[in-house]
Structures are given as structure tokens and as C-alpha cells.
Amino acid sequence: MPHANFRRFAWFFVAYLVAVILFGAWVRISGSGNGCGSHWPTCNGSVIPQEAATKTVIEYTHRLTSGLCGVFAIVLLLWSRRISRRVMYASAATLFFVLVEGLIGAVLVKKELVAGDASVARAIAVSLHLANTMLLTASAATAAWWAGARLPAALTGSKFWLAASVAALLLTNMSGAVTALGDTLFPIQPALDGNLVSKVRDDISGSQHFLVRLRILHPIVAVLASGVVLAAFAGVARGDRRHGPAGLLLDVGQIAIIIQLLLGGLNVVLAAPGWMQVVHLLAAQVVWIAAWLATMTAWPRRAGAVTEAPAPVSLVASAD
């Protein structure tokens, strides 16, 4: 029972992290990043802001929900000591990336790399910010995955291609963060002649801001990365016919990457509305977690690393 309760909490934490990430995207989309001014950790110099402006409420709420991540991460680490050393290491990594997340957020606020700022520094910061959030969700998901009473049977496909898919997704999401920033600060304007291709060409060749010119980069990287992920998952599926949690990862990952490609295309066609950016980011998180856990499952592990009695493991909390 303690292990099952830990798994439930760990997967809840993963879901909570994803929700906080999505809300953070909405802070950017709504231009609320400066809702608390350049003050951190206080908001406009107060622990509880007195101003009731919408952007202040949004930014302050994001800070509160982000702060809870630290509390949950501490609970996860303390609880993980009763599970296994592997789980404890993953939980420690989770807490570390939560702290880094807070540091990056503080830098963005203190340096005023928020709201309407369109500098190169902000572009670099947001890409690193998203990379850290991905490593954060990966660590928390690993703790939940390894908390199973017995780890799922190792996948036998190419470890190289699975690792390559993780690297490709990391790069894709970092480029996507920069593109999303550009779409927010420089909203896509529909082509007057209805020709999307000509509009993209004009953005690239015209004397536009670098964030606009970089828009073409993310779709190219995303398509190439999707090919790597699909090839890696298909290769594992051919080499490993096992069912159960590992097979579920492969199924979820392949379906999610196809959906993500469709959402990416729809995002461009619809001129990147805020709600679509959030949905697109959610799908990206699902793909990322599936690819990461598949890679962790394929990687070799020491014999006898898991000593607990067998129990079902799934991507969601199992009922006892």
C-alpha cells in the first residue's frame, strides 16, 4: 500500500507540473509576466499584492502554483526514501530542477525579460526555461515509473535511437519556445492573398524581427524530430512484442506524436491563437514523457536493483 500511495502521489505531481507549465504559457500569452513588476519573490513589493489588475492576479497565481511545486518536490523526496534508492535519486533530481526553475523565473522577472521584451536574451532564457521544465517532468515521471513494485521488462530496441529521440524532442521544444515567444509578441497576420506559403516567405525575406524570421525553423525541426521518434518507437515495437506498461508507452508515444504533428499544422493555419499554443504544448509534454520513459526502460540496469514484490504499473495510478 505505501508504494501504491507513493505512485499515486508521484503521478499526481507529474500532472500538476504539466498544469503549471501550461499556466506558465498562458502568463506569456496574456502578457502578464510583469504583473508583479520587477519584484521577486514579492509581488509589487508585497507578499500579497494589493492591486487587483488582471495581469497581477495571473502572475501571482502562477507564482503560488509554482511555489507548491517546491513543497510537493520536498514531500516526494522525503517519501521516496522509503521506496528505493533509484526512486530517491529521481526525486532528488526533481527537487533540483524545481529549484533551477525558480531561479530562472526569478532572473526573467528581475531582468524584466517578460511581457513585451523581444530581446535575444529573452529568447535564450525561455528556451532554457522550457528545457529545464522538460527535465523536471522527466525526473518526476521517472520517480513515478520506477516506484512500481517491479520495473517493467526492458525494451530490446535500439537504445541509440531512443536516446536520439529524446535529444531531438528536447531541441524541438526549445525551438518551439522561441517560436511561441515570437507568435505572442508578433502575432501572425493572415496572408492577404490567402497563400500561407507566400506569407511565410515574406516573413523570412522581409526586414522583420529575428523572432519572426526564426518561425520557419521550428516546423522543420519538429518534422525531422517526429521522424526520429516514430522510427525509434517503431523499431522498438518490432524488436519487443511484450505487452504491459512498456508496450503502452510505445502506443501512447506513437499516437501522441502523430496528433502533435496535426496540431502543429493546425496551429500555423489558425495563426497560433493562445488556446492552440496551450493545447500544442500539452501534446508536446505527453510525447516527451512517453519518449523519456521508453528510453529509461530500454537502458540497462543492474540485476537485483528492484527487490519489491511484483505489482501492476501503469501510466496512471492503479487501484488497489
C-alpha atoms as a PDB file:
ATOM      1  CA  MET A   1       0.000   0.000   0.000  1.00  0.00           C
ATOM      2  CA  PRO A   2       2.731   2.623   0.807  1.00  0.00           C
ATOM      3  CA  HIS A   3       4.244   2.037  -2.642  1.00  0.00           C
ATOM      4  CA  ALA A   4       0.856   2.371  -4.335  1.00  0.00           C
ATOM      5  CA  ASN A   5       0.153   5.599  -2.449  1.00  0.00           C
ATOM      6  CA  PHE A   6       3.559   6.948  -3.449  1.00  0.00           C
ATOM      7  CA  ARG A   7       2.883   6.112  -7.113  1.00  0.00           C
ATOM      8  CA  ARG A   8      -0.439   7.923  -6.950  1.00  0.00           C
ATOM      9  CA  PHE A   9       1.196  10.987  -5.433  1.00  0.00           C
ATOM     10  CA  ALA A  10       4.106  10.907  -7.898  1.00  0.00           C
ATOM     11  CA  TRP A  11       1.789  10.721 -10.922  1.00  0.00           C
ATOM     12  CA  PHE A  12      -0.385  13.448  -9.422  1.00  0.00           C
ATOM     13  CA  PHE A  13       2.747  15.575  -9.117  1.00  0.00           C
ATOM     14  CA  VAL A  14       3.612  14.927 -12.770  1.00  0.00           C
ATOM     15  CA  ALA A  15       0.114  16.020 -13.819  1.00  0.00           C
ATOM     16  CA  TYR A  16       0.363  19.075 -11.559  1.00  0.00           C
ATOM     17  CA  LEU A  17       3.719  20.025 -13.084  1.00  0.00           C
ATOM     18  CA  VAL A  18       2.252  19.849 -16.574  1.00  0.00           C
ATOM     19  CA  ALA A  19      -0.673  22.039 -15.456  1.00  0.00           C
ATOM     20  CA  VAL A  20       1.751  24.622 -14.020  1.00  0.00           C
ATOM     21  CA  ILE A  21       3.753  24.578 -17.259  1.00  0.00           C
ATOM     22  CA  LEU A  22       0.600  25.192 -19.292  1.00  0.00           C
ATOM     23  CA  PHE A  23      -0.428  28.018 -16.980  1.00  0.00           C
ATOM     24  CA  GLY A  24       3.047  29.493 -17.356  1.00  0.00           C
ATOM     25  CA  ALA A  25       2.493  29.529 -21.108  1.00  0.00           C
ATOM     26  CA  TRP A  26      -0.736  31.427 -20.537  1.00  0.00           C
ATOM     27  CA  VAL A  27       1.175  34.003 -18.458  1.00  0.00           C
ATOM     28  CA  ARG A  28       3.327  34.642 -21.546  1.00  0.00           C
ATOM     29  CA  ILE A  29       0.389  34.618 -23.963  1.00  0.00           C
ATOM     30  CA  SER A  30      -1.615  37.061 -21.839  1.00  0.00           C
ATOM     31  CA  GLY A  31       1.375  39.372 -21.364  1.00  0.00           C
ATOM     32  CA  SER A  32       1.131  39.014 -17.596  1.00  0.00           C
ATOM     33  CA  GLY A  33       4.791  38.310 -16.881  1.00  0.00           C
ATOM     34  CA  ASN A  34       5.257  41.821 -15.486  1.00  0.00           C
ATOM     35  CA  GLY A  35       2.121  41.644 -13.366  1.00  0.00           C
ATOM     36  CA  CYS A  36       4.235  41.829 -10.201  1.00  0.00           C
ATOM     37  CA  GLY A  37       6.673  44.349 -11.611  1.00  0.00           C
ATOM     38  CA  SER A  38      10.361  43.517 -11.298  1.00  0.00           C
ATOM     39  CA  HIS A  39       9.884  42.281  -7.725  1.00  0.00           C
ATOM     40  CA  TRP A  40      10.684  38.696  -6.750  1.00  0.00           C
ATOM     41  CA  PRO A  41       9.701  36.776  -4.675  1.00  0.00           C
ATOM     42  CA  THR A  42       7.337  39.534  -3.545  1.00  0.00           C
ATOM     43  CA  CYS A  43       4.694  40.915  -5.892  1.00  0.00           C
ATOM     44  CA  ASN A  44       4.965  44.663  -6.422  1.00  0.00           C
ATOM     45  CA  GLY A  45       6.849  44.811  -3.139  1.00  0.00           C
ATOM     46  CA  SER A  46       4.165  42.994  -1.124  1.00  0.00           C
ATOM     47  CA  VAL A  47       3.739  39.390  -0.040  1.00  0.00           C
ATOM     48  CA  ILE A  48       0.074  39.665  -1.009  1.00  0.00           C
ATOM     49  CA  PRO A  49      -0.480  42.175  -3.831  1.00  0.00           C
ATOM     50  CA  GLN A  50      -2.982  44.936  -3.195  1.00  0.00           C
ATOM     51  CA  GLU A  51      -3.536  45.749  -6.863  1.00  0.00           C
ATOM     52  CA  ALA A  52      -6.371  43.782  -8.459  1.00  0.00           C
ATOM     53  CA  ALA A  53      -5.247  44.150 -12.095  1.00  0.00           C
ATOM     54  CA  THR A  54      -5.870  41.037 -14.165  1.00  0.00           C
ATOM     55  CA  LYS A  55      -2.233  40.546 -15.114  1.00  0.00           C
ATOM     56  CA  THR A  56      -1.229  40.827 -11.461  1.00  0.00           C
ATOM     57  CA  VAL A  57      -3.710  38.134 -10.469  1.00  0.00           C
ATOM     58  CA  ILE A  58      -2.468  35.871 -13.252  1.00  0.00           C
ATOM     59  CA  GLU A  59       1.219  36.313 -12.436  1.00  0.00           C
ATOM     60  CA  TYR A  60       0.665  36.000  -8.684  1.00  0.00           C
ATOM     61  CA  THR A  61      -1.398  32.839  -9.151  1.00  0.00           C
ATOM     62  CA  HIS A  62       1.372  31.391 -11.282  1.00  0.00           C
ATOM     63  CA  ARG A  63       3.905  32.128  -8.568  1.00  0.00           C
ATOM     64  CA  LEU A  64       1.739  30.454  -5.930  1.00  0.00           C
ATOM     65  CA  THR A  65       1.145  27.334  -8.005  1.00  0.00           C
ATOM     66  CA  SER A  66       4.837  27.204  -8.902  1.00  0.00           C
ATOM     67  CA  GLY A  67       5.751  27.539  -5.230  1.00  0.00           C
ATOM     68  CA  LEU A  68       3.630  24.485  -4.428  1.00  0.00           C
ATOM     69  CA  CYS A  69       5.856  22.526  -6.802  1.00  0.00           C
ATOM     70  CA  GLY A  70       8.675  23.019  -4.318  1.00  0.00           C
ATOM     71  CA  VAL A  71       6.533  21.738  -1.449  1.00  0.00           C
ATOM     72  CA  PHE A  72       5.445  18.692  -3.450  1.00  0.00           C
ATOM     73  CA  ALA A  73       9.033  18.014  -4.538  1.00  0.00           C
ATOM     74  CA  ILE A  74      10.225  18.008  -0.924  1.00  0.00           C
ATOM     75  CA  VAL A  75       7.430  15.608   0.049  1.00  0.00           C
ATOM     76  CA  LEU A  76       8.332  13.404  -2.923  1.00  0.00           C
ATOM     77  CA  LEU A  77      11.984  13.249  -1.879  1.00  0.00           C
ATOM     78  CA  LEU A  78      11.292  12.522   1.788  1.00  0.00           C
ATOM     79  CA  TRP A  79       8.728   9.865   0.915  1.00  0.00           C
ATOM     80  CA  SER A  80      10.973   8.279  -1.736  1.00  0.00           C
ATOM     81  CA  ARG A  81      13.474   7.255   0.954  1.00  0.00           C
ATOM     82  CA  ARG A  82      11.002   4.523   1.927  1.00  0.00           C
ATOM     83  CA  ILE A  83      10.708   3.214  -1.637  1.00  0.00           C
ATOM     84  CA  SER A  84      14.126   2.586  -3.185  1.00  0.00           C
ATOM     85  CA  ARG A  85      17.447   4.275  -3.861  1.00  0.00           C
ATOM     86  CA  ARG A  86      16.629   4.651  -7.570  1.00  0.00           C
ATOM     87  CA  VAL A  87      13.390   6.424  -6.793  1.00  0.00           C
ATOM     88  CA  MET A  88      15.146   8.629  -4.263  1.00  0.00           C
ATOM     89  CA  TYR A  89      17.718   9.703  -6.873  1.00  0.00           C
ATOM     90  CA  ALA A  90      14.957  10.575  -9.347  1.00  0.00           C
ATOM     91  CA  SER A  91      13.112  12.504  -6.631  1.00  0.00           C
ATOM     92  CA  ALA A  92      16.290  14.391  -5.697  1.00  0.00           C
ATOM     93  CA  ALA A  93      16.716  15.354  -9.354  1.00  0.00           C
ATOM     94  CA  THR A  94      13.114  16.561  -9.359  1.00  0.00           C
ATOM     95  CA  LEU A  95      13.745  18.879  -6.414  1.00  0.00           C
ATOM     96  CA  PHE A  96      16.936  20.147  -8.053  1.00  0.00           C
ATOM     97  CA  PHE A  97      15.140  21.091 -11.274  1.00  0.00           C
ATOM     98  CA  VAL A  98      12.337  22.737  -9.277  1.00  0.00           C
ATOM     99  CA  LEU A  99      14.953  24.963  -7.644  1.00  0.00           C
ATOM    100  CA  VAL A 100      16.539  25.741 -11.012  1.00  0.00           C
ATOM    101  CA  GLU A 101      13.067  26.538 -12.339  1.00  0.00           C
ATOM    102  CA  GLY A 102      12.561  29.082  -9.580  1.00  0.00           C
ATOM    103  CA  LEU A 103      15.977  30.608 -10.286  1.00  0.00           C
ATOM    104  CA  ILE A 104      15.244  31.010 -13.998  1.00  0.00           C
ATOM    105  CA  GLY A 105      11.858  32.530 -13.201  1.00  0.00           C
ATOM    106  CA  ALA A 106      13.484  34.990 -10.825  1.00  0.00           C
ATOM    107  CA  VAL A 107      16.041  36.014 -13.458  1.00  0.00           C
ATOM    108  CA  LEU A 108      13.298  36.577 -16.035  1.00  0.00           C
ATOM    109  CA  VAL A 109      11.433  38.855 -13.640  1.00  0.00           C
ATOM    110  CA  LYS A 110      14.415  40.723 -12.176  1.00  0.00           C
ATOM    111  CA  LYS A 111      15.935  41.338 -15.614  1.00  0.00           C
ATOM    112  CA  GLU A 112      12.475  42.271 -16.937  1.00  0.00           C
ATOM    113  CA  LEU A 113      12.636  39.647 -19.684  1.00  0.00           C
ATOM    114  CA  VAL A 114       8.857  39.438 -19.676  1.00  0.00           C
ATOM    115  CA  ALA A 115       5.750  40.938 -21.253  1.00  0.00           C
ATOM    116  CA  GLY A 116       6.763  42.873 -24.394  1.00  0.00           C
ATOM    117  CA  ASP A 117      10.524  42.268 -24.217  1.00  0.00           C
ATOM    118  CA  ALA A 118      11.731  40.869 -27.553  1.00  0.00           C
ATOM    119  CA  SER A 119      15.459  40.626 -26.894  1.00  0.00           C
ATOM    120  CA  VAL A 120      17.855  37.837 -27.766  1.00  0.00           C
ATOM    121  CA  ALA A 121      18.434  37.389 -24.041  1.00  0.00           C
ATOM    122  CA  ARG A 122      14.763  36.586 -23.504  1.00  0.00           C
ATOM    123  CA  ALA A 123      14.711  34.142 -26.409  1.00  0.00           C
ATOM    124  CA  ILE A 124      17.661  32.282 -24.903  1.00  0.00           C
ATOM    125  CA  ALA A 125      16.131  32.397 -21.437  1.00  0.00           C
ATOM    126  CA  VAL A 126      12.745  30.998 -22.490  1.00  0.00           C
ATOM    127  CA  SER A 127      14.378  28.149 -24.412  1.00  0.00           C
ATOM    128  CA  LEU A 128      16.472  27.216 -21.371  1.00  0.00           C
ATOM    129  CA  HIS A 129      13.393  27.645 -19.192  1.00  0.00           C
ATOM    130  CA  LEU A 130      11.450  25.091 -21.235  1.00  0.00           C
ATOM    131  CA  ALA A 131      14.408  22.713 -21.350  1.00  0.00           C
ATOM    132  CA  ASN A 132      14.520  22.769 -17.561  1.00  0.00           C
ATOM    133  CA  THR A 133      10.778  22.135 -17.272  1.00  0.00           C
ATOM    134  CA  MET A 134      11.182  19.114 -19.535  1.00  0.00           C
ATOM    135  CA  LEU A 135      13.966  17.714 -17.371  1.00  0.00           C
ATOM    136  CA  LEU A 136      11.782  18.440 -14.336  1.00  0.00           C
ATOM    137  CA  THR A 137       8.790  16.494 -15.649  1.00  0.00           C
ATOM    138  CA  ALA A 138      11.129  13.728 -16.824  1.00  0.00           C
ATOM    139  CA  SER A 139      12.605  13.371 -13.318  1.00  0.00           C
ATOM    140  CA  ALA A 140       9.205  13.307 -11.625  1.00  0.00           C
ATOM    141  CA  ALA A 141       7.849  10.827 -14.173  1.00  0.00           C
ATOM    142  CA  THR A 142      10.913   8.627 -13.668  1.00  0.00           C
ATOM    143  CA  ALA A 143      10.300   8.575  -9.918  1.00  0.00           C
ATOM    144  CA  ALA A 144       6.703   7.520 -10.501  1.00  0.00           C
ATOM    145  CA  TRP A 145       7.703   4.940 -13.126  1.00  0.00           C
ATOM    146  CA  TRP A 146      10.438   3.402 -11.004  1.00  0.00           C
ATOM    147  CA  ALA A 147       8.167   3.317  -7.965  1.00  0.00           C
ATOM    148  CA  GLY A 148       6.429   0.270  -9.411  1.00  0.00           C
ATOM    149  CA  ALA A 149       6.905  -2.781  -7.221  1.00  0.00           C
ATOM    150  CA  ARG A 150       8.842  -4.254 -10.118  1.00  0.00           C
ATOM    151  CA  LEU A 151      10.168  -2.382 -13.123  1.00  0.00           C
ATOM    152  CA  PRO A 152       8.600  -3.361 -16.469  1.00  0.00           C
ATOM    153  CA  ALA A 153      10.612  -5.727 -18.645  1.00  0.00           C
ATOM    154  CA  ALA A 154      13.331  -3.879 -20.518  1.00  0.00           C
ATOM    155  CA  LEU A 155      12.646  -2.934 -24.112  1.00  0.00           C
ATOM    156  CA  THR A 156      15.012  -4.551 -26.585  1.00  0.00           C
ATOM    157  CA  GLY A 157      15.002  -1.982 -29.385  1.00  0.00           C
ATOM    158  CA  SER A 158      17.811   0.365 -30.324  1.00  0.00           C
ATOM    159  CA  LYS A 159      18.876   2.358 -27.298  1.00  0.00           C
ATOM    160  CA  PHE A 160      20.724   4.769 -29.560  1.00  0.00           C
ATOM    161  CA  TRP A 161      17.596   5.766 -31.487  1.00  0.00           C
ATOM    162  CA  LEU A 162      15.545   6.117 -28.330  1.00  0.00           C
ATOM    163  CA  ALA A 163      18.224   8.389 -26.850  1.00  0.00           C
ATOM    164  CA  ALA A 164      18.324  10.292 -30.153  1.00  0.00           C
ATOM    165  CA  SER A 165      14.554  10.764 -29.981  1.00  0.00           C
ATOM    166  CA  VAL A 166      14.885  12.303 -26.512  1.00  0.00           C
ATOM    167  CA  ALA A 167      17.596  14.702 -27.725  1.00  0.00           C
ATOM    168  CA  ALA A 168      15.535  15.579 -30.798  1.00  0.00           C
ATOM    169  CA  LEU A 169      12.451  16.315 -28.695  1.00  0.00           C
ATOM    170  CA  LEU A 170      14.471  18.490 -26.324  1.00  0.00           C
ATOM    171  CA  LEU A 171      15.787  20.536 -29.250  1.00  0.00           C
ATOM    172  CA  THR A 172      12.323  20.720 -30.814  1.00  0.00           C
ATOM    173  CA  ASN A 173      10.707  22.031 -27.669  1.00  0.00           C
ATOM    174  CA  MET A 174      13.445  24.611 -27.157  1.00  0.00           C
ATOM    175  CA  SER A 175      12.948  25.904 -30.694  1.00  0.00           C
ATOM    176  CA  GLY A 176       9.195  25.796 -30.110  1.00  0.00           C
ATOM    177  CA  ALA A 177       9.568  28.020 -27.057  1.00  0.00           C
ATOM    178  CA  VAL A 178      11.325  30.661 -29.161  1.00  0.00           C
ATOM    179  CA  THR A 179       8.696  30.364 -31.907  1.00  0.00           C
ATOM    180  CA  ALA A 180       5.859  30.667 -29.383  1.00  0.00           C
ATOM    181  CA  LEU A 181       7.505  33.798 -27.991  1.00  0.00           C
ATOM    182  CA  GLY A 182       7.621  35.267 -31.488  1.00  0.00           C
ATOM    183  CA  ASP A 183       3.990  34.328 -32.147  1.00  0.00           C
ATOM    184  CA  THR A 184       2.991  36.117 -28.943  1.00  0.00           C
ATOM    185  CA  LEU A 185       4.997  39.304 -29.488  1.00  0.00           C
ATOM    186  CA  PHE A 186       4.490  39.419 -33.256  1.00  0.00           C
ATOM    187  CA  PRO A 187       1.107  37.790 -33.946  1.00  0.00           C
ATOM    188  CA  ILE A 188       0.855  36.013 -37.273  1.00  0.00           C
ATOM    189  CA  GLN A 189      -1.094  38.078 -39.762  1.00  0.00           C
ATOM    190  CA  PRO A 190      -3.140  36.170 -42.346  1.00  0.00           C
ATOM    191  CA  ALA A 191      -1.799  36.395 -45.886  1.00  0.00           C
ATOM    192  CA  LEU A 192      -3.795  38.924 -47.900  1.00  0.00           C
ATOM    193  CA  ASP A 193      -3.972  36.580 -50.868  1.00  0.00           C
ATOM    194  CA  GLY A 194      -4.734  33.578 -48.689  1.00  0.00           C
ATOM    195  CA  ASN A 195      -1.409  31.987 -49.624  1.00  0.00           C
ATOM    196  CA  LEU A 196       0.252  30.762 -46.443  1.00  0.00           C
ATOM    197  CA  VAL A 197       3.448  29.817 -48.270  1.00  0.00           C
ATOM    198  CA  SER A 198       3.910  33.330 -49.630  1.00  0.00           C
ATOM    199  CA  LYS A 199       3.281  34.797 -46.168  1.00  0.00           C
ATOM    200  CA  VAL A 200       5.987  32.589 -44.649  1.00  0.00           C
ATOM    201  CA  ARG A 201       8.361  33.536 -47.461  1.00  0.00           C
ATOM    202  CA  ASP A 202       7.690  37.217 -46.879  1.00  0.00           C
ATOM    203  CA  ASP A 203       8.369  36.803 -43.146  1.00  0.00           C
ATOM    204  CA  ILE A 204      11.724  35.185 -43.865  1.00  0.00           C
ATOM    205  CA  SER A 205      12.908  37.541 -46.591  1.00  0.00           C
ATOM    206  CA  GLY A 206      11.452  40.785 -45.236  1.00  0.00           C
ATOM    207  CA  SER A 207      13.201  43.125 -42.829  1.00  0.00           C
ATOM    208  CA  GLN A 208      11.439  41.599 -39.842  1.00  0.00           C
ATOM    209  CA  HIS A 209      12.478  40.948 -36.269  1.00  0.00           C
ATOM    210  CA  PHE A 210      14.665  37.872 -35.725  1.00  0.00           C
ATOM    211  CA  LEU A 211      11.829  36.162 -33.836  1.00  0.00           C
ATOM    212  CA  VAL A 212       9.680  36.403 -36.953  1.00  0.00           C
ATOM    213  CA  ARG A 213      12.416  35.118 -39.251  1.00  0.00           C
ATOM    214  CA  LEU A 214      13.007  32.149 -36.963  1.00  0.00           C
ATOM    215  CA  ARG A 215       9.402  30.946 -37.322  1.00  0.00           C
ATOM    216  CA  ILE A 216      10.332  28.634 -40.166  1.00  0.00           C
ATOM    217  CA  LEU A 217      12.932  26.826 -38.057  1.00  0.00           C
ATOM    218  CA  HIS A 218      10.605  25.116 -35.575  1.00  0.00           C
ATOM    219  CA  PRO A 219       8.341  23.342 -38.101  1.00  0.00           C
ATOM    220  CA  ILE A 220      11.394  21.920 -39.882  1.00  0.00           C
ATOM    221  CA  VAL A 221      12.980  20.738 -36.635  1.00  0.00           C
ATOM    222  CA  ALA A 222       9.643  19.330 -35.452  1.00  0.00           C
ATOM    223  CA  VAL A 223       9.065  17.266 -38.592  1.00  0.00           C
ATOM    224  CA  LEU A 224      12.586  15.840 -38.512  1.00  0.00           C
ATOM    225  CA  ALA A 225      12.332  15.077 -34.798  1.00  0.00           C
ATOM    226  CA  SER A 226       8.959  13.393 -35.292  1.00  0.00           C
ATOM    227  CA  GLY A 227      10.520  11.127 -37.887  1.00  0.00           C
ATOM    228  CA  VAL A 228      13.269  10.151 -35.449  1.00  0.00           C
ATOM    229  CA  VAL A 229      10.765   9.444 -32.653  1.00  0.00           C
ATOM    230  CA  LEU A 230       8.419   7.417 -34.848  1.00  0.00           C
ATOM    231  CA  ALA A 231      11.324   5.429 -36.280  1.00  0.00           C
ATOM    232  CA  ALA A 232      12.708   4.749 -32.801  1.00  0.00           C
ATOM    233  CA  PHE A 233       9.346   3.655 -31.418  1.00  0.00           C
ATOM    234  CA  ALA A 234       8.570   1.530 -34.461  1.00  0.00           C
ATOM    235  CA  GLY A 235      11.969  -0.138 -34.188  1.00  0.00           C
ATOM    236  CA  VAL A 236      11.388  -0.960 -30.536  1.00  0.00           C
ATOM    237  CA  ALA A 237       7.901  -2.250 -31.296  1.00  0.00           C
ATOM    238  CA  ARG A 238       9.313  -4.648 -33.897  1.00  0.00           C
ATOM    239  CA  GLY A 239      12.066  -5.851 -31.588  1.00  0.00           C
ATOM    240  CA  ASP A 240       9.910  -6.185 -28.485  1.00  0.00           C
ATOM    241  CA  ARG A 241       6.438  -7.718 -28.600  1.00  0.00           C
ATOM    242  CA  ARG A 242       5.855  -7.534 -24.859  1.00  0.00           C
ATOM    243  CA  HIS A 243       2.629  -6.067 -23.598  1.00  0.00           C
ATOM    244  CA  GLY A 244       2.106  -4.132 -20.388  1.00  0.00           C
ATOM    245  CA  PRO A 245       3.485  -0.762 -19.300  1.00  0.00           C
ATOM    246  CA  ALA A 246       6.405  -0.710 -21.760  1.00  0.00           C
ATOM    247  CA  GLY A 247       4.132  -1.503 -24.689  1.00  0.00           C
ATOM    248  CA  LEU A 248       1.675   1.139 -23.509  1.00  0.00           C
ATOM    249  CA  LEU A 249       4.459   3.722 -23.633  1.00  0.00           C
ATOM    250  CA  LEU A 250       5.139   2.897 -27.261  1.00  0.00           C
ATOM    251  CA  ASP A 251       1.461   3.096 -28.191  1.00  0.00           C
ATOM    252  CA  VAL A 252       0.918   6.393 -26.370  1.00  0.00           C
ATOM    253  CA  GLY A 253       4.097   7.873 -27.824  1.00  0.00           C
ATOM    254  CA  GLN A 254       3.306   6.980 -31.435  1.00  0.00           C
ATOM    255  CA  ILE A 255      -0.282   8.223 -31.228  1.00  0.00           C
ATOM    256  CA  ALA A 256       0.761  11.417 -29.430  1.00  0.00           C
ATOM    257  CA  ILE A 257       3.463  12.308 -31.961  1.00  0.00           C
ATOM    258  CA  ILE A 258       1.004  11.982 -34.848  1.00  0.00           C
ATOM    259  CA  ILE A 259      -1.541  14.124 -33.014  1.00  0.00           C
ATOM    260  CA  GLN A 260       1.210  16.634 -32.254  1.00  0.00           C
ATOM    261  CA  LEU A 261       2.099  16.958 -35.937  1.00  0.00           C
ATOM    262  CA  LEU A 262      -1.547  17.610 -36.784  1.00  0.00           C
ATOM    263  CA  LEU A 263      -1.833  20.179 -34.005  1.00  0.00           C
ATOM    264  CA  GLY A 264       1.328  21.895 -35.195  1.00  0.00           C
ATOM    265  CA  GLY A 265      -0.082  22.255 -38.687  1.00  0.00           C
ATOM    266  CA  LEU A 266      -3.403  23.488 -37.327  1.00  0.00           C
ATOM    267  CA  ASN A 267      -1.571  25.974 -35.123  1.00  0.00           C
ATOM    268  CA  VAL A 268       0.052  27.519 -38.190  1.00  0.00           C
ATOM    269  CA  VAL A 269      -3.176  27.554 -40.210  1.00  0.00           C
ATOM    270  CA  LEU A 270      -5.069  29.247 -37.360  1.00  0.00           C
ATOM    271  CA  ALA A 271      -2.269  31.828 -36.910  1.00  0.00           C
ATOM    272  CA  ALA A 272      -1.210  30.469 -33.492  1.00  0.00           C
ATOM    273  CA  PRO A 273      -4.075  31.531 -31.205  1.00  0.00           C
ATOM    274  CA  GLY A 274      -3.306  31.355 -27.492  1.00  0.00           C
ATOM    275  CA  TRP A 275      -5.559  28.388 -26.746  1.00  0.00           C
ATOM    276  CA  MET A 276      -3.981  26.361 -29.554  1.00  0.00           C
ATOM    277  CA  GLN A 277      -0.497  27.129 -28.260  1.00  0.00           C
ATOM    278  CA  VAL A 278      -1.528  25.666 -24.893  1.00  0.00           C
ATOM    279  CA  VAL A 279      -3.006  22.526 -26.486  1.00  0.00           C
ATOM    280  CA  HIS A 280       0.114  22.144 -28.633  1.00  0.00           C
ATOM    281  CA  LEU A 281       2.313  22.399 -25.538  1.00  0.00           C
ATOM    282  CA  LEU A 282       0.208  19.806 -23.706  1.00  0.00           C
ATOM    283  CA  ALA A 283       0.647  17.312 -26.538  1.00  0.00           C
ATOM    284  CA  ALA A 284       4.386  18.039 -26.540  1.00  0.00           C
ATOM    285  CA  GLN A 285       4.567  17.135 -22.840  1.00  0.00           C
ATOM    286  CA  VAL A 286       2.798  13.819 -23.450  1.00  0.00           C
ATOM    287  CA  VAL A 287       5.188  12.929 -26.277  1.00  0.00           C
ATOM    288  CA  TRP A 288       8.188  13.944 -24.175  1.00  0.00           C
ATOM    289  CA  ILE A 289       7.234  11.892 -21.118  1.00  0.00           C
ATOM    290  CA  ALA A 290       6.460   8.806 -23.222  1.00  0.00           C
ATOM    291  CA  ALA A 291       9.757   9.051 -25.112  1.00  0.00           C
ATOM    292  CA  TRP A 292      11.752   9.650 -21.940  1.00  0.00           C
ATOM    293  CA  LEU A 293      10.253   6.711 -20.055  1.00  0.00           C
ATOM    294  CA  ALA A 294      10.661   4.429 -23.066  1.00  0.00           C
ATOM    295  CA  THR A 295      14.342   5.348 -23.128  1.00  0.00           C
ATOM    296  CA  MET A 296      14.667   4.739 -19.396  1.00  0.00           C
ATOM    297  CA  THR A 297      13.011   1.342 -19.821  1.00  0.00           C
ATOM    298  CA  ALA A 298      15.362   0.360 -22.641  1.00  0.00           C
ATOM    299  CA  TRP A 299      18.509   1.345 -20.791  1.00  0.00           C
ATOM    300  CA  PRO A 300      20.373  -1.452 -18.957  1.00  0.00           C
ATOM    301  CA  ARG A 301      20.035  -1.692 -15.204  1.00  0.00           C
ATOM    302  CA  ARG A 302      21.842  -3.686 -12.567  1.00  0.00           C
ATOM    303  CA  ALA A 303      20.474  -7.054 -11.657  1.00  0.00           C
ATOM    304  CA  GLY A 304      18.745  -7.066  -8.306  1.00  0.00           C
ATOM    305  CA  ALA A 305      18.090  -3.330  -8.407  1.00  0.00           C
ATOM    306  CA  VAL A 306      14.427  -3.977  -7.666  1.00  0.00           C
ATOM    307  CA  THR A 307      13.621  -6.128  -4.694  1.00  0.00           C
ATOM    308  CA  GLU A 308       9.990  -5.362  -4.017  1.00  0.00           C
ATOM    309  CA  ALA A 309       7.216  -7.817  -4.770  1.00  0.00           C
ATOM    310  CA  PRO A 310       5.577  -7.611  -8.211  1.00  0.00           C
ATOM    311  CA  ALA A 311       2.653  -5.259  -8.679  1.00  0.00           C
ATOM    312  CA  PRO A 312       0.945  -3.680 -11.668  1.00  0.00           C
ATOM    313  CA  VAL A 313       2.496  -0.492 -13.035  1.00  0.00           C
ATOM    314  CA  SER A 314       0.716   1.887 -15.359  1.00  0.00           C
ATOM    315  CA  LEU A 315       0.940   5.416 -16.651  1.00  0.00           C
ATOM    316  CA  VAL A 316      -1.896   6.293 -14.304  1.00  0.00           C
ATOM    317  CA  ALA A 317      -2.429   5.352 -10.699  1.00  0.00           C
ATOM    318  CA  SER A 318      -3.605   1.781 -10.323  1.00  0.00           C
ATOM    319  CA  ALA A 319      -6.367   0.846  -7.948  1.00  0.00           C
ATOM    320  CA  ASP A 320      -5.585  -1.471  -5.068  1.00  0.00           C
END
